[in-house]
Amino acid sequence: MAWNSYSFEWGYEIHSITLTARNWRRVMNGKPLGIRGKGYHCDGEFFLDYWSFGGGLDGELRVSYGSDGADRGFWNLKSAQIEEHK
């Protein structure tokens, strides 16, 4: 089974999410996918992270965090650091 990790840097930290093979296929087929990450700690606080994929490799990746769902940013998925595992 293959799975994939996506990583982005913000606030001097690298944040990442790992997708199952099923979710990876969904993303590569251009279908939308929203998934919650494991969260992270920053300055003594804990934040949840939310990842939204849309449009395949040429599509958008949106990352938001916190209880208010503040957007961290938008990227083209191609700009992500993608690591595929077998």
N, C-alpha and C. Protein backbone atom coordinates (compact mmCIF):
# COMPACT_ATOMS: atom_id res chain seq x y z
N MET A 1 0.84 -1.17 0.00
CA MET A 1 0.00 0.00 0.00
C MET A 1 0.89 1.24 0.00
N ALA A 2 0.61 2.18 -0.86
CA ALA A 2 1.36 3.44 -0.91
C ALA A 2 0.63 4.50 -0.11
N TRP A 3 1.38 5.36 0.50
CA TRP A 3 0.80 6.51 1.15
C TRP A 3 1.73 7.67 0.94
N ASN A 4 1.24 8.88 1.10
CA ASN A 4 2.00 10.07 0.76
C ASN A 4 1.94 11.09 1.88
N SER A 5 3.05 11.77 2.08
CA SER A 5 3.14 12.84 3.07
C SER A 5 3.31 14.16 2.35
N TYR A 6 2.66 15.18 2.86
CA TYR A 6 2.78 16.54 2.34
C TYR A 6 3.30 17.42 3.45
N SER A 7 4.27 18.26 3.16
CA SER A 7 4.84 19.13 4.18
C SER A 7 4.93 20.56 3.69
N PHE A 8 4.66 21.49 4.60
CA PHE A 8 4.83 22.92 4.36
C PHE A 8 5.44 23.55 5.59
N GLU A 9 6.14 24.63 5.39
CA GLU A 9 6.75 25.33 6.50
C GLU A 9 6.00 26.63 6.75
N TRP A 10 5.66 26.87 8.02
CA TRP A 10 5.17 28.18 8.43
C TRP A 10 5.55 28.39 9.88
N GLY A 11 5.83 29.63 10.22
CA GLY A 11 6.20 29.95 11.60
C GLY A 11 7.43 29.21 12.07
N TYR A 12 8.42 29.02 11.20
CA TYR A 12 9.67 28.33 11.52
C TYR A 12 9.47 26.86 11.84
N GLU A 13 8.33 26.30 11.50
CA GLU A 13 8.07 24.89 11.75
C GLU A 13 7.56 24.23 10.48
N ILE A 14 7.83 22.95 10.37
CA ILE A 14 7.31 22.18 9.25
C ILE A 14 6.08 21.42 9.72
N HIS A 15 5.00 21.57 8.97
CA HIS A 15 3.75 20.88 9.27
C HIS A 15 3.47 19.91 8.14
N SER A 16 2.98 18.74 8.49
CA SER A 16 2.76 17.75 7.44
C SER A 16 1.52 16.93 7.73
N ILE A 17 1.07 16.25 6.69
CA ILE A 17 -0.06 15.33 6.80
C ILE A 17 0.24 14.14 5.92
N THR A 18 -0.21 12.98 6.34
CA THR A 18 -0.02 11.76 5.57
C THR A 18 -1.38 11.27 5.10
N LEU A 19 -1.46 10.95 3.81
CA LEU A 19 -2.70 10.44 3.23
C LEU A 19 -2.61 8.94 3.00
N THR A 20 -3.72 8.27 3.17
CA THR A 20 -3.79 6.85 2.83
C THR A 20 -3.73 6.71 1.31
N ALA A 21 -3.51 5.51 0.84
CA ALA A 21 -3.50 5.25 -0.60
C ALA A 21 -4.83 5.64 -1.23
N ARG A 22 -5.91 5.37 -0.55
CA ARG A 22 -7.24 5.70 -1.08
C ARG A 22 -7.40 7.22 -1.22
N ASN A 23 -7.01 7.96 -0.19
CA ASN A 23 -7.12 9.42 -0.26
C ASN A 23 -6.16 10.01 -1.29
N TRP A 24 -4.97 9.42 -1.43
CA TRP A 24 -4.01 9.87 -2.46
C TRP A 24 -4.62 9.72 -3.85
N ARG A 25 -5.25 8.58 -4.12
CA ARG A 25 -5.89 8.38 -5.43
C ARG A 25 -7.00 9.41 -5.64
N ARG A 26 -7.73 9.69 -4.61
CA ARG A 26 -8.80 10.68 -4.69
C ARG A 26 -8.22 12.05 -5.10
N VAL A 27 -7.16 12.46 -4.44
CA VAL A 27 -6.51 13.73 -4.76
C VAL A 27 -5.99 13.72 -6.19
N MET A 28 -5.30 12.64 -6.58
CA MET A 28 -4.72 12.56 -7.92
C MET A 28 -5.79 12.53 -9.02
N ASN A 29 -6.98 12.05 -8.68
CA ASN A 29 -8.10 12.05 -9.63
C ASN A 29 -8.83 13.39 -9.68
N GLY A 30 -8.33 14.37 -8.93
CA GLY A 30 -8.91 15.71 -8.95
C GLY A 30 -10.16 15.88 -8.10
N LYS A 31 -10.46 14.88 -7.29
CA LYS A 31 -11.64 14.99 -6.42
C LYS A 31 -11.27 15.76 -5.15
N PRO A 32 -12.20 16.54 -4.62
CA PRO A 32 -11.90 17.30 -3.41
C PRO A 32 -11.72 16.38 -2.20
N LEU A 33 -10.85 16.78 -1.30
CA LEU A 33 -10.61 16.02 -0.08
C LEU A 33 -10.32 17.02 1.04
N GLY A 34 -11.06 16.90 2.13
CA GLY A 34 -10.79 17.68 3.33
C GLY A 34 -10.44 16.72 4.45
N ILE A 35 -9.37 17.01 5.17
CA ILE A 35 -8.91 16.10 6.20
C ILE A 35 -8.31 16.90 7.36
N ARG A 36 -8.50 16.41 8.56
CA ARG A 36 -7.94 17.07 9.75
C ARG A 36 -6.61 16.43 10.08
N GLY A 37 -5.64 17.25 10.39
CA GLY A 37 -4.33 16.76 10.79
C GLY A 37 -4.30 16.39 12.26
N LYS A 38 -3.11 16.03 12.75
CA LYS A 38 -2.94 15.63 14.15
C LYS A 38 -2.82 16.83 15.08
N GLY A 39 -2.71 18.02 14.50
CA GLY A 39 -2.55 19.21 15.32
C GLY A 39 -1.10 19.44 15.70
N TYR A 40 -0.85 20.58 16.33
CA TYR A 40 0.52 20.93 16.71
C TYR A 40 0.49 21.92 17.87
N HIS A 41 1.61 22.01 18.57
CA HIS A 41 1.77 22.94 19.68
C HIS A 41 2.59 24.14 19.22
N CYS A 42 2.20 25.31 19.67
CA CYS A 42 2.95 26.53 19.37
C CYS A 42 2.79 27.49 20.54
N ASP A 43 3.88 27.93 21.10
CA ASP A 43 3.86 28.87 22.23
C ASP A 43 2.94 28.40 23.35
N GLY A 44 3.01 27.12 23.66
CA GLY A 44 2.24 26.57 24.76
C GLY A 44 0.78 26.30 24.47
N GLU A 45 0.34 26.54 23.24
CA GLU A 45 -1.05 26.28 22.87
C GLU A 45 -1.10 25.16 21.85
N PHE A 46 -2.24 24.47 21.81
CA PHE A 46 -2.46 23.40 20.85
C PHE A 46 -3.44 23.87 19.78
N PHE A 47 -3.11 23.60 18.53
CA PHE A 47 -3.95 23.99 17.40
C PHE A 47 -4.23 22.77 16.53
N LEU A 48 -5.47 22.64 16.08
CA LEU A 48 -5.81 21.63 15.08
C LEU A 48 -5.50 22.21 13.70
N ASP A 49 -5.15 21.34 12.78
CA ASP A 49 -4.88 21.78 11.41
C ASP A 49 -5.81 21.05 10.46
N TYR A 50 -6.26 21.77 9.45
CA TYR A 50 -7.20 21.25 8.46
C TYR A 50 -6.61 21.42 7.07
N TRP A 51 -6.66 20.38 6.27
CA TRP A 51 -6.06 20.37 4.94
C TRP A 51 -7.15 20.11 3.91
N SER A 52 -7.21 20.93 2.87
CA SER A 52 -8.20 20.78 1.80
C SER A 52 -7.47 20.71 0.47
N PHE A 53 -7.72 19.62 -0.25
CA PHE A 53 -7.11 19.39 -1.55
C PHE A 53 -8.18 19.49 -2.62
N GLY A 54 -7.82 20.04 -3.76
CA GLY A 54 -8.79 20.10 -4.86
C GLY A 54 -8.10 20.29 -6.19
N GLY A 55 -8.46 19.47 -7.17
CA GLY A 55 -7.98 19.67 -8.53
C GLY A 55 -6.73 18.92 -8.92
N GLY A 56 -6.33 17.90 -8.18
CA GLY A 56 -5.14 17.12 -8.55
C GLY A 56 -3.86 17.90 -8.31
N LEU A 57 -2.77 17.47 -8.95
CA LEU A 57 -1.48 18.13 -8.75
C LEU A 57 -1.48 19.59 -9.18
N ASP A 58 -2.31 19.94 -10.15
CA ASP A 58 -2.39 21.33 -10.59
C ASP A 58 -3.37 22.12 -9.75
N GLY A 59 -4.00 21.46 -8.80
CA GLY A 59 -5.03 22.10 -7.99
C GLY A 59 -4.49 22.79 -6.76
N GLU A 60 -5.41 23.20 -5.94
CA GLU A 60 -5.12 24.00 -4.76
C GLU A 60 -4.98 23.13 -3.52
N LEU A 61 -4.09 23.54 -2.66
CA LEU A 61 -3.99 22.99 -1.31
C LEU A 61 -4.19 24.15 -0.35
N ARG A 62 -5.17 24.02 0.51
CA ARG A 62 -5.47 25.06 1.50
C ARG A 62 -5.25 24.46 2.87
N VAL A 63 -4.55 25.19 3.73
CA VAL A 63 -4.31 24.74 5.10
C VAL A 63 -4.85 25.80 6.04
N SER A 64 -5.66 25.37 6.99
CA SER A 64 -6.17 26.27 8.01
C SER A 64 -5.94 25.64 9.37
N TYR A 65 -6.06 26.45 10.42
CA TYR A 65 -5.75 25.93 11.75
C TYR A 65 -6.55 26.68 12.80
N GLY A 66 -6.59 26.10 14.00
CA GLY A 66 -7.22 26.73 15.13
C GLY A 66 -8.72 26.53 15.18
N SER A 67 -9.31 26.92 16.29
CA SER A 67 -10.74 26.73 16.48
C SER A 67 -11.57 27.63 15.56
N ASP A 68 -10.96 28.73 15.09
CA ASP A 68 -11.70 29.63 14.20
C ASP A 68 -11.46 29.30 12.73
N GLY A 69 -10.61 28.29 12.46
CA GLY A 69 -10.37 27.87 11.08
C GLY A 69 -9.63 28.90 10.25
N ALA A 70 -8.78 29.71 10.90
CA ALA A 70 -8.02 30.74 10.18
C ALA A 70 -7.18 30.11 9.09
N ASP A 71 -7.21 30.68 7.89
CA ASP A 71 -6.42 30.17 6.79
C ASP A 71 -4.95 30.45 7.01
N ARG A 72 -4.15 29.42 6.86
CA ARG A 72 -2.71 29.59 6.91
C ARG A 72 -2.19 29.93 5.53
N GLY A 73 -2.81 29.35 4.53
CA GLY A 73 -2.35 29.69 3.19
C GLY A 73 -2.95 28.81 2.12
N PHE A 74 -2.70 29.23 0.91
CA PHE A 74 -3.11 28.51 -0.27
C PHE A 74 -1.85 28.23 -1.08
N TRP A 75 -1.77 27.04 -1.61
CA TRP A 75 -0.64 26.69 -2.46
C TRP A 75 -1.14 25.87 -3.62
N ASN A 76 -0.35 25.83 -4.66
CA ASN A 76 -0.54 24.87 -5.72
C ASN A 76 0.05 23.58 -5.19
N LEU A 77 -0.64 22.48 -5.33
CA LEU A 77 -0.18 21.22 -4.75
C LEU A 77 1.21 20.85 -5.24
N LYS A 78 1.56 21.23 -6.46
CA LYS A 78 2.90 20.93 -6.98
C LYS A 78 4.01 21.54 -6.13
N SER A 79 3.71 22.62 -5.40
CA SER A 79 4.73 23.28 -4.61
C SER A 79 4.98 22.59 -3.27
N ALA A 80 4.18 21.58 -2.96
CA ALA A 80 4.35 20.85 -1.70
C ALA A 80 5.56 19.92 -1.78
N GLN A 81 6.12 19.68 -0.63
CA GLN A 81 7.14 18.64 -0.54
C GLN A 81 6.37 17.33 -0.39
N ILE A 82 6.39 16.51 -1.44
CA ILE A 82 5.62 15.27 -1.46
C ILE A 82 6.57 14.11 -1.36
N GLU A 83 6.30 13.22 -0.43
CA GLU A 83 7.13 12.04 -0.22
C GLU A 83 6.24 10.82 -0.33
N GLU A 84 6.52 9.95 -1.30
CA GLU A 84 5.71 8.76 -1.50
C GLU A 84 6.40 7.57 -0.87
N HIS A 85 5.63 6.75 -0.15
CA HIS A 85 6.13 5.57 0.53
C HIS A 85 5.46 4.34 -0.04
N LYS A 86 6.19 3.29 -0.19
CA LYS A 86 5.64 2.02 -0.67
C LYS A 86 5.52 1.03 0.47
